[in-house]
Amino acid sequence: MMTVTIMVKITPNNIMISFTQNALFKLCTMIVLLALFSGCATTENNKDPYESYNRDIHAFNLKADQYVMKPVAKGYHWVTPNIVDRGITNFFGNLQGVRVTFNDLLQAKFQDAGFDMLRFAINTTVGIGGLFDVASELQVPKGNEDFAQTLGTWGVPPGPFLVIPLLGPSNPRAIGGTIGDTPLNPVTYIGSAPISIGLRAVQVTDVRADLLQLDDVIEELKDYTLMRDAYLQHEAYLISDGELSEDIFDDEDFYDESDEVSEPIE
């Protein structure tokens, strides 16, 4: 029988709530389901019903990146030799092979599943645990499927656009995809919590460090409207495997008077 423990600690200054892993999973699932149902109720020209909330969270995320993530990424980039940095990127990229292969199968992309399984096998063995991307040198095709894309191919609607604290743009389908992909991440099964958390922290830092060379693009995405539209186009591109219609969404769907005067946050 699954047990759920929720601890609440009230102090004069704040309220602290902690969940067990099972409770957090149930909470996330409930949020996704509620958001999905609310998304079904939205009209076609109201795909961003939580815009006010989203803008606030987007501003918070920009500040968090400016004062925490970017400085940490710069420090990581400065102290990490290029060959080590590339090895770390390859290692975490190789771990995604399990997720990609499984979702290939769920989408009936059997040839892609064969290629992604082959990539994982080659890089895990010849590539010494994925530190070296031998499969790319051999020109083995690489996929990028996840459970959010699988849900999309199954006809699950994305639901309303959301911005998640520290994580960025998303939607209920993407959140459900993240939950579904969690058991496919080998790091999930590491028994030691400090090691598991440490690996995830290194992965996030490595990804942000790799994005330092795209600072000009990131600077443009500080604008909320550009960030939202770029995310929606990218998501549609992934789910359709690059076969996009010219009218993925109508500009009128996202018209907001605040867009006319919105400025990037410095």
C-alpha atoms as a PDB file:
ATOM      1  CA  MET A   1       0.000   0.000   0.000  1.00  0.00           C
ATOM      2  CA  MET A   2       1.376   3.407  -1.005  1.00  0.00           C
ATOM      3  CA  THR A   3       1.829   5.816   1.881  1.00  0.00           C
ATOM      4  CA  VAL A   4       1.835   9.568   1.580  1.00  0.00           C
ATOM      5  CA  THR A   5       3.359  11.899   4.136  1.00  0.00           C
ATOM      6  CA  ILE A   6       2.882  15.644   4.094  1.00  0.00           C
ATOM      7  CA  MET A   7       4.661  17.687   6.747  1.00  0.00           C
ATOM      8  CA  VAL A   8       3.623  21.237   7.500  1.00  0.00           C
ATOM      9  CA  LYS A   9       5.750  23.529   9.640  1.00  0.00           C
ATOM     10  CA  ILE A  10       4.386  26.941  10.542  1.00  0.00           C
ATOM     11  CA  THR A  11       6.703  29.666  11.808  1.00  0.00           C
ATOM     12  CA  PRO A  12       6.035  33.345  12.508  1.00  0.00           C
ATOM     13  CA  ASN A  13       7.625  34.253   9.170  1.00  0.00           C
ATOM     14  CA  ASN A  14       6.510  31.544   6.760  1.00  0.00           C
ATOM     15  CA  ILE A  15       4.878  28.194   6.152  1.00  0.00           C
ATOM     16  CA  MET A  16       7.042  25.269   5.051  1.00  0.00           C
ATOM     17  CA  ILE A  17       5.465  22.235   3.360  1.00  0.00           C
ATOM     18  CA  SER A  18       7.392  19.080   2.486  1.00  0.00           C
ATOM     19  CA  PHE A  19       6.142  16.063   0.554  1.00  0.00           C
ATOM     20  CA  THR A  20       7.318  12.524   0.143  1.00  0.00           C
ATOM     21  CA  GLN A  21       8.147  11.492  -3.421  1.00  0.00           C
ATOM     22  CA  ASN A  22       4.807   9.693  -3.791  1.00  0.00           C
ATOM     23  CA  ALA A  23       2.863  12.722  -2.622  1.00  0.00           C
ATOM     24  CA  LEU A  24       4.746  15.029  -4.981  1.00  0.00           C
ATOM     25  CA  PHE A  25       4.058  12.678  -7.890  1.00  0.00           C
ATOM     26  CA  LYS A  26       0.347  12.611  -7.063  1.00  0.00           C
ATOM     27  CA  LEU A  27       0.270  16.379  -6.710  1.00  0.00           C
ATOM     28  CA  CYS A  28       1.958  16.927 -10.092  1.00  0.00           C
ATOM     29  CA  THR A  29      -0.397  14.471 -11.752  1.00  0.00           C
ATOM     30  CA  MET A  30      -3.435  16.209 -10.248  1.00  0.00           C
ATOM     31  CA  ILE A  31      -2.170  19.617 -11.415  1.00  0.00           C
ATOM     32  CA  VAL A  32      -1.638  18.301 -14.936  1.00  0.00           C
ATOM     33  CA  LEU A  33      -5.127  16.788 -15.090  1.00  0.00           C
ATOM     34  CA  LEU A  34      -6.779  19.940 -13.763  1.00  0.00           C
ATOM     35  CA  ALA A  35      -4.836  22.076 -16.220  1.00  0.00           C
ATOM     36  CA  LEU A  36      -5.758  19.767 -19.075  1.00  0.00           C
ATOM     37  CA  PHE A  37      -9.443  20.046 -18.272  1.00  0.00           C
ATOM     38  CA  SER A  38      -9.183  23.809 -17.950  1.00  0.00           C
ATOM     39  CA  GLY A  39      -7.304  23.895 -21.253  1.00  0.00           C
ATOM     40  CA  CYS A  40     -10.130  22.024 -22.958  1.00  0.00           C
ATOM     41  CA  ALA A  41     -12.496  24.735 -21.801  1.00  0.00           C
ATOM     42  CA  THR A  42     -10.466  27.581 -23.275  1.00  0.00           C
ATOM     43  CA  THR A  43     -11.426  28.988 -26.631  1.00  0.00           C
ATOM     44  CA  GLU A  44      -9.218  28.895 -29.708  1.00  0.00           C
ATOM     45  CA  ASN A  45      -8.269  32.566 -29.306  1.00  0.00           C
ATOM     46  CA  ASN A  46      -7.375  32.212 -25.653  1.00  0.00           C
ATOM     47  CA  LYS A  47      -4.352  29.924 -25.604  1.00  0.00           C
ATOM     48  CA  ASP A  48      -2.613  31.955 -22.898  1.00  0.00           C
ATOM     49  CA  PRO A  49      -5.319  32.410 -20.248  1.00  0.00           C
ATOM     50  CA  TYR A  50      -2.763  32.731 -17.428  1.00  0.00           C
ATOM     51  CA  GLU A  51      -0.715  35.437 -19.120  1.00  0.00           C
ATOM     52  CA  SER A  52      -0.522  37.710 -16.093  1.00  0.00           C
ATOM     53  CA  TYR A  53       0.822  34.884 -13.919  1.00  0.00           C
ATOM     54  CA  ASN A  54       3.118  33.686 -16.706  1.00  0.00           C
ATOM     55  CA  ARG A  55       4.655  37.128 -17.169  1.00  0.00           C
ATOM     56  CA  ASP A  56       5.429  37.367 -13.451  1.00  0.00           C
ATOM     57  CA  ILE A  57       7.077  33.951 -13.405  1.00  0.00           C
ATOM     58  CA  HIS A  58       8.994  34.758 -16.606  1.00  0.00           C
ATOM     59  CA  ALA A  59      10.373  37.905 -14.959  1.00  0.00           C
ATOM     60  CA  PHE A  60      11.359  35.859 -11.891  1.00  0.00           C
ATOM     61  CA  ASN A  61      13.097  33.256 -14.068  1.00  0.00           C
ATOM     62  CA  LEU A  62      15.079  35.957 -15.862  1.00  0.00           C
ATOM     63  CA  LYS A  63      16.331  37.305 -12.550  1.00  0.00           C
ATOM     64  CA  ALA A  64      17.181  33.793 -11.323  1.00  0.00           C
ATOM     65  CA  ASP A  65      19.170  33.178 -14.495  1.00  0.00           C
ATOM     66  CA  GLN A  66      20.900  36.556 -14.311  1.00  0.00           C
ATOM     67  CA  TYR A  67      22.006  36.282 -10.701  1.00  0.00           C
ATOM     68  CA  VAL A  68      22.388  32.501 -10.217  1.00  0.00           C
ATOM     69  CA  MET A  69      22.422  30.238 -13.270  1.00  0.00           C
ATOM     70  CA  LYS A  70      24.450  32.378 -15.651  1.00  0.00           C
ATOM     71  CA  PRO A  71      27.239  33.213 -13.157  1.00  0.00           C
ATOM     72  CA  VAL A  72      27.454  29.546 -12.129  1.00  0.00           C
ATOM     73  CA  ALA A  73      27.550  28.487 -15.783  1.00  0.00           C
ATOM     74  CA  LYS A  74      30.322  30.986 -16.510  1.00  0.00           C
ATOM     75  CA  GLY A  75      32.353  29.672 -13.590  1.00  0.00           C
ATOM     76  CA  TYR A  76      31.781  26.084 -14.716  1.00  0.00           C
ATOM     77  CA  HIS A  77      32.823  26.975 -18.269  1.00  0.00           C
ATOM     78  CA  TRP A  78      35.948  28.741 -17.014  1.00  0.00           C
ATOM     79  CA  VAL A  79      37.239  25.883 -14.828  1.00  0.00           C
ATOM     80  CA  THR A  80      36.188  22.955 -17.048  1.00  0.00           C
ATOM     81  CA  PRO A  81      38.541  21.949 -19.904  1.00  0.00           C
ATOM     82  CA  ASN A  82      36.814  21.663 -23.279  1.00  0.00           C
ATOM     83  CA  ILE A  83      37.405  17.920 -23.542  1.00  0.00           C
ATOM     84  CA  VAL A  84      35.866  17.359 -20.097  1.00  0.00           C
ATOM     85  CA  ASP A  85      32.939  19.646 -20.888  1.00  0.00           C
ATOM     86  CA  ARG A  86      32.281  17.740 -24.120  1.00  0.00           C
ATOM     87  CA  GLY A  87      32.500  14.419 -22.285  1.00  0.00           C
ATOM     88  CA  ILE A  88      29.956  15.533 -19.686  1.00  0.00           C
ATOM     89  CA  THR A  89      27.581  16.746 -22.398  1.00  0.00           C
ATOM     90  CA  ASN A  90      27.979  13.448 -24.271  1.00  0.00           C
ATOM     91  CA  PHE A  91      27.428  11.421 -21.090  1.00  0.00           C
ATOM     92  CA  PHE A  92      24.078  13.004 -20.261  1.00  0.00           C
ATOM     93  CA  GLY A  93      23.063  12.996 -23.906  1.00  0.00           C
ATOM     94  CA  ASN A  94      23.717   9.258 -24.059  1.00  0.00           C
ATOM     95  CA  LEU A  95      21.515   8.629 -21.011  1.00  0.00           C
ATOM     96  CA  GLN A  96      18.622  10.137 -22.967  1.00  0.00           C
ATOM     97  CA  GLY A  97      18.918   7.258 -25.420  1.00  0.00           C
ATOM     98  CA  VAL A  98      16.742   5.080 -23.173  1.00  0.00           C
ATOM     99  CA  ARG A  99      13.967   7.675 -23.162  1.00  0.00           C
ATOM    100  CA  VAL A 100      14.226   8.352 -26.881  1.00  0.00           C
ATOM    101  CA  THR A 101      14.145   4.666 -27.863  1.00  0.00           C
ATOM    102  CA  PHE A 102      11.143   3.912 -25.652  1.00  0.00           C
ATOM    103  CA  ASN A 103       9.170   6.840 -27.062  1.00  0.00           C
ATOM    104  CA  ASP A 104      10.136   5.853 -30.611  1.00  0.00           C
ATOM    105  CA  LEU A 105       8.430   2.530 -29.940  1.00  0.00           C
ATOM    106  CA  LEU A 106       5.364   4.183 -28.408  1.00  0.00           C
ATOM    107  CA  GLN A 107       5.024   6.250 -31.588  1.00  0.00           C
ATOM    108  CA  ALA A 108       5.524   3.182 -33.813  1.00  0.00           C
ATOM    109  CA  LYS A 109       8.757   4.629 -35.234  1.00  0.00           C
ATOM    110  CA  PHE A 110      10.468   1.276 -35.302  1.00  0.00           C
ATOM    111  CA  GLN A 111      13.315   2.224 -37.638  1.00  0.00           C
ATOM    112  CA  ASP A 112      14.137   5.259 -35.495  1.00  0.00           C
ATOM    113  CA  ALA A 113      13.984   3.055 -32.399  1.00  0.00           C
ATOM    114  CA  GLY A 114      16.533   0.725 -33.982  1.00  0.00           C
ATOM    115  CA  PHE A 115      18.896   3.607 -34.742  1.00  0.00           C
ATOM    116  CA  ASP A 116      18.543   5.142 -31.270  1.00  0.00           C
ATOM    117  CA  MET A 117      19.044   1.766 -29.601  1.00  0.00           C
ATOM    118  CA  LEU A 118      22.157   1.251 -31.746  1.00  0.00           C
ATOM    119  CA  ARG A 119      23.466   4.690 -30.785  1.00  0.00           C
ATOM    120  CA  PHE A 120      22.993   3.944 -27.106  1.00  0.00           C
ATOM    121  CA  ALA A 121      24.730   0.575 -27.401  1.00  0.00           C
ATOM    122  CA  ILE A 122      27.701   1.989 -29.334  1.00  0.00           C
ATOM    123  CA  ASN A 123      28.250   5.021 -27.131  1.00  0.00           C
ATOM    124  CA  THR A 124      27.784   3.083 -23.891  1.00  0.00           C
ATOM    125  CA  THR A 125      30.368   0.469 -24.878  1.00  0.00           C
ATOM    126  CA  VAL A 126      32.833   1.864 -27.412  1.00  0.00           C
ATOM    127  CA  GLY A 127      32.188   5.404 -26.191  1.00  0.00           C
ATOM    128  CA  ILE A 128      33.109   4.447 -22.594  1.00  0.00           C
ATOM    129  CA  GLY A 129      29.799   5.050 -20.874  1.00  0.00           C
ATOM    130  CA  GLY A 130      28.793   7.747 -23.318  1.00  0.00           C
ATOM    131  CA  LEU A 131      31.754  10.056 -22.713  1.00  0.00           C
ATOM    132  CA  PHE A 132      32.558   9.901 -26.428  1.00  0.00           C
ATOM    133  CA  ASP A 133      29.907  10.234 -29.140  1.00  0.00           C
ATOM    134  CA  VAL A 134      31.209   7.467 -31.389  1.00  0.00           C
ATOM    135  CA  ALA A 135      27.789   6.917 -32.962  1.00  0.00           C
ATOM    136  CA  SER A 136      27.757  10.419 -34.437  1.00  0.00           C
ATOM    137  CA  GLU A 137      31.203   9.801 -35.915  1.00  0.00           C
ATOM    138  CA  LEU A 138      29.703   6.723 -37.552  1.00  0.00           C
ATOM    139  CA  GLN A 139      26.795   8.891 -38.778  1.00  0.00           C
ATOM    140  CA  VAL A 140      24.139   6.898 -36.938  1.00  0.00           C
ATOM    141  CA  PRO A 141      20.931   9.030 -36.994  1.00  0.00           C
ATOM    142  CA  LYS A 142      19.895  10.550 -33.687  1.00  0.00           C
ATOM    143  CA  GLY A 143      16.310  10.993 -32.511  1.00  0.00           C
ATOM    144  CA  ASN A 144      14.855  13.393 -29.987  1.00  0.00           C
ATOM    145  CA  GLU A 145      11.545  11.890 -28.894  1.00  0.00           C
ATOM    146  CA  ASP A 146      10.074  12.257 -25.423  1.00  0.00           C
ATOM    147  CA  PHE A 147       6.795  11.372 -23.756  1.00  0.00           C
ATOM    148  CA  ALA A 148       5.351  14.859 -24.314  1.00  0.00           C
ATOM    149  CA  GLN A 149       5.759  14.322 -28.062  1.00  0.00           C
ATOM    150  CA  THR A 150       4.267  10.851 -27.682  1.00  0.00           C
ATOM    151  CA  LEU A 151       1.204  12.332 -25.980  1.00  0.00           C
ATOM    152  CA  GLY A 152       0.957  14.839 -28.812  1.00  0.00           C
ATOM    153  CA  THR A 153       1.008  12.121 -31.474  1.00  0.00           C
ATOM    154  CA  TRP A 154      -1.703  10.310 -29.513  1.00  0.00           C
ATOM    155  CA  GLY A 155      -3.911  13.373 -29.823  1.00  0.00           C
ATOM    156  CA  VAL A 156      -3.575  14.754 -26.294  1.00  0.00           C
ATOM    157  CA  PRO A 157      -4.043  18.558 -26.483  1.00  0.00           C
ATOM    158  CA  PRO A 158      -1.280  20.767 -25.058  1.00  0.00           C
ATOM    159  CA  GLY A 159      -3.576  22.709 -22.774  1.00  0.00           C
ATOM    160  CA  PRO A 160      -2.916  26.333 -21.816  1.00  0.00           C
ATOM    161  CA  PHE A 161       0.545  27.855 -22.055  1.00  0.00           C
ATOM    162  CA  LEU A 162       2.346  27.945 -18.713  1.00  0.00           C
ATOM    163  CA  VAL A 163       5.634  29.296 -17.378  1.00  0.00           C
ATOM    164  CA  ILE A 164       7.064  27.156 -14.576  1.00  0.00           C
ATOM    165  CA  PRO A 165       9.303  28.707 -11.895  1.00  0.00           C
ATOM    166  CA  LEU A 166      12.988  28.030 -12.721  1.00  0.00           C
ATOM    167  CA  LEU A 167      12.021  25.642 -15.551  1.00  0.00           C
ATOM    168  CA  GLY A 168      10.572  28.075 -18.076  1.00  0.00           C
ATOM    169  CA  PRO A 169       7.850  27.688 -20.725  1.00  0.00           C
ATOM    170  CA  SER A 170       5.666  24.598 -20.639  1.00  0.00           C
ATOM    171  CA  ASN A 171       2.089  23.324 -20.731  1.00  0.00           C
ATOM    172  CA  PRO A 172       0.128  20.505 -19.050  1.00  0.00           C
ATOM    173  CA  ARG A 173       1.061  18.023 -21.775  1.00  0.00           C
ATOM    174  CA  ALA A 174       4.749  18.832 -21.382  1.00  0.00           C
ATOM    175  CA  ILE A 175       4.472  18.449 -17.607  1.00  0.00           C
ATOM    176  CA  GLY A 176       2.800  15.073 -18.074  1.00  0.00           C
ATOM    177  CA  GLY A 177       5.587  14.166 -20.486  1.00  0.00           C
ATOM    178  CA  THR A 178       8.223  14.998 -17.899  1.00  0.00           C
ATOM    179  CA  ILE A 179       6.470  12.797 -15.344  1.00  0.00           C
ATOM    180  CA  GLY A 180       6.226   9.980 -17.878  1.00  0.00           C
ATOM    181  CA  ASP A 181       9.907  10.263 -18.834  1.00  0.00           C
ATOM    182  CA  THR A 182      11.182  10.201 -15.245  1.00  0.00           C
ATOM    183  CA  PRO A 183      11.217   6.368 -14.972  1.00  0.00           C
ATOM    184  CA  LEU A 184      13.220   6.275 -18.239  1.00  0.00           C
ATOM    185  CA  ASN A 185      16.072   8.338 -16.783  1.00  0.00           C
ATOM    186  CA  PRO A 186      18.784   6.029 -15.367  1.00  0.00           C
ATOM    187  CA  VAL A 187      19.710   8.703 -12.820  1.00  0.00           C
ATOM    188  CA  THR A 188      16.313   8.096 -11.191  1.00  0.00           C
ATOM    189  CA  TYR A 189      17.481   4.682  -9.995  1.00  0.00           C
ATOM    190  CA  ILE A 190      20.626   5.831  -8.210  1.00  0.00           C
ATOM    191  CA  GLY A 191      20.085   4.877  -4.592  1.00  0.00           C
ATOM    192  CA  SER A 192      22.038   7.768  -3.110  1.00  0.00           C
ATOM    193  CA  ALA A 193      20.050  10.989  -3.081  1.00  0.00           C
ATOM    194  CA  PRO A 194      23.137  13.262  -2.875  1.00  0.00           C
ATOM    195  CA  ILE A 195      24.658  11.590  -5.939  1.00  0.00           C
ATOM    196  CA  SER A 196      21.396  11.745  -7.876  1.00  0.00           C
ATOM    197  CA  ILE A 197      20.839  15.418  -7.013  1.00  0.00           C
ATOM    198  CA  GLY A 198      24.483  16.180  -7.754  1.00  0.00           C
ATOM    199  CA  LEU A 199      24.267  14.608 -11.210  1.00  0.00           C
ATOM    200  CA  ARG A 200      21.117  16.551 -12.042  1.00  0.00           C
ATOM    201  CA  ALA A 201      22.784  19.783 -10.866  1.00  0.00           C
ATOM    202  CA  VAL A 202      25.799  19.091 -13.074  1.00  0.00           C
ATOM    203  CA  GLN A 203      23.523  18.358 -16.028  1.00  0.00           C
ATOM    204  CA  VAL A 204      21.569  21.610 -15.625  1.00  0.00           C
ATOM    205  CA  THR A 205      24.787  23.602 -15.229  1.00  0.00           C
ATOM    206  CA  ASP A 206      26.338  21.925 -18.265  1.00  0.00           C
ATOM    207  CA  VAL A 207      23.298  22.731 -20.412  1.00  0.00           C
ATOM    208  CA  ARG A 208      23.324  26.384 -19.304  1.00  0.00           C
ATOM    209  CA  ALA A 209      27.069  26.616 -19.955  1.00  0.00           C
ATOM    210  CA  ASP A 210      26.572  25.279 -23.474  1.00  0.00           C
ATOM    211  CA  LEU A 211      23.984  28.021 -24.050  1.00  0.00           C
ATOM    212  CA  LEU A 212      26.427  30.824 -23.186  1.00  0.00           C
ATOM    213  CA  GLN A 213      27.413  31.030 -26.848  1.00  0.00           C
ATOM    214  CA  LEU A 214      23.766  31.791 -27.667  1.00  0.00           C
ATOM    215  CA  ASP A 215      23.524  34.819 -25.392  1.00  0.00           C
ATOM    216  CA  ASP A 216      22.329  37.047 -28.230  1.00  0.00           C
ATOM    217  CA  VAL A 217      19.378  34.727 -28.886  1.00  0.00           C
ATOM    218  CA  ILE A 218      18.614  34.408 -25.178  1.00  0.00           C
ATOM    219  CA  GLU A 219      18.688  38.194 -24.883  1.00  0.00           C
ATOM    220  CA  GLU A 220      15.909  38.434 -27.470  1.00  0.00           C
ATOM    221  CA  LEU A 221      13.872  35.781 -25.670  1.00  0.00           C
ATOM    222  CA  LYS A 222      13.715  37.985 -22.608  1.00  0.00           C
ATOM    223  CA  ASP A 223      10.682  39.475 -24.303  1.00  0.00           C
ATOM    224  CA  TYR A 224       7.701  37.455 -23.082  1.00  0.00           C
ATOM    225  CA  THR A 225       5.811  37.397 -26.384  1.00  0.00           C
ATOM    226  CA  LEU A 226       8.841  36.265 -28.397  1.00  0.00           C
ATOM    227  CA  MET A 227       9.642  33.586 -25.825  1.00  0.00           C
ATOM    228  CA  ARG A 228       6.094  32.240 -25.853  1.00  0.00           C
ATOM    229  CA  ASP A 229       5.760  32.157 -29.624  1.00  0.00           C
ATOM    230  CA  ALA A 230       9.187  30.564 -30.068  1.00  0.00           C
ATOM    231  CA  TYR A 231       8.293  27.839 -27.572  1.00  0.00           C
ATOM    232  CA  LEU A 232       4.951  27.077 -29.216  1.00  0.00           C
ATOM    233  CA  GLN A 233       6.495  26.922 -32.684  1.00  0.00           C
ATOM    234  CA  HIS A 234       9.308  24.676 -31.484  1.00  0.00           C
ATOM    235  CA  GLU A 235       6.874  22.337 -29.719  1.00  0.00           C
ATOM    236  CA  ALA A 236       4.674  22.106 -32.817  1.00  0.00           C
ATOM    237  CA  TYR A 237       7.769  21.457 -34.945  1.00  0.00           C
ATOM    238  CA  LEU A 238       8.851  18.543 -32.737  1.00  0.00           C
ATOM    239  CA  ILE A 239       5.447  16.883 -32.588  1.00  0.00           C
ATOM    240  CA  SER A 240       4.866  17.214 -36.335  1.00  0.00           C
ATOM    241  CA  ASP A 241       8.413  16.012 -37.096  1.00  0.00           C
ATOM    242  CA  GLY A 242       9.083  19.255 -38.920  1.00  0.00           C
ATOM    243  CA  GLU A 243       5.932  19.258 -41.045  1.00  0.00           C
ATOM    244  CA  LEU A 244       4.356  22.535 -39.999  1.00  0.00           C
ATOM    245  CA  SER A 245       1.399  24.318 -41.513  1.00  0.00           C
ATOM    246  CA  GLU A 246       1.743  28.030 -42.157  1.00  0.00           C
ATOM    247  CA  ASP A 247      -0.933  28.890 -39.608  1.00  0.00           C
ATOM    248  CA  ILE A 248       0.141  27.016 -36.484  1.00  0.00           C
ATOM    249  CA  PHE A 249      -1.603  29.730 -34.562  1.00  0.00           C
ATOM    250  CA  ASP A 250      -3.212  32.987 -35.508  1.00  0.00           C
ATOM    251  CA  ASP A 251      -1.569  36.154 -34.216  1.00  0.00           C
ATOM    252  CA  GLU A 252      -4.988  37.240 -32.973  1.00  0.00           C
ATOM    253  CA  ASP A 253      -4.940  34.263 -30.607  1.00  0.00           C
ATOM    254  CA  PHE A 254      -2.253  36.035 -28.602  1.00  0.00           C
ATOM    255  CA  TYR A 255      -3.121  39.695 -29.033  1.00  0.00           C
ATOM    256  CA  ASP A 256      -2.515  41.672 -25.902  1.00  0.00           C
ATOM    257  CA  GLU A 257      -2.340  45.427 -25.594  1.00  0.00           C
ATOM    258  CA  SER A 258       0.610  45.021 -23.234  1.00  0.00           C
ATOM    259  CA  ASP A 259       2.612  43.502 -26.081  1.00  0.00           C
ATOM    260  CA  GLU A 260       2.746  46.908 -27.744  1.00  0.00           C
ATOM    261  CA  VAL A 261       4.750  48.386 -24.897  1.00  0.00           C
ATOM    262  CA  SER A 262       6.493  45.339 -23.452  1.00  0.00           C
ATOM    263  CA  GLU A 263      10.220  45.720 -22.988  1.00  0.00           C
ATOM    264  CA  PRO A 264      12.867  43.095 -22.237  1.00  0.00           C
ATOM    265  CA  ILE A 265      13.924  42.962 -18.615  1.00  0.00           C
ATOM    266  CA  GLU A 266      17.530  44.055 -18.161  1.00  0.00           C
END
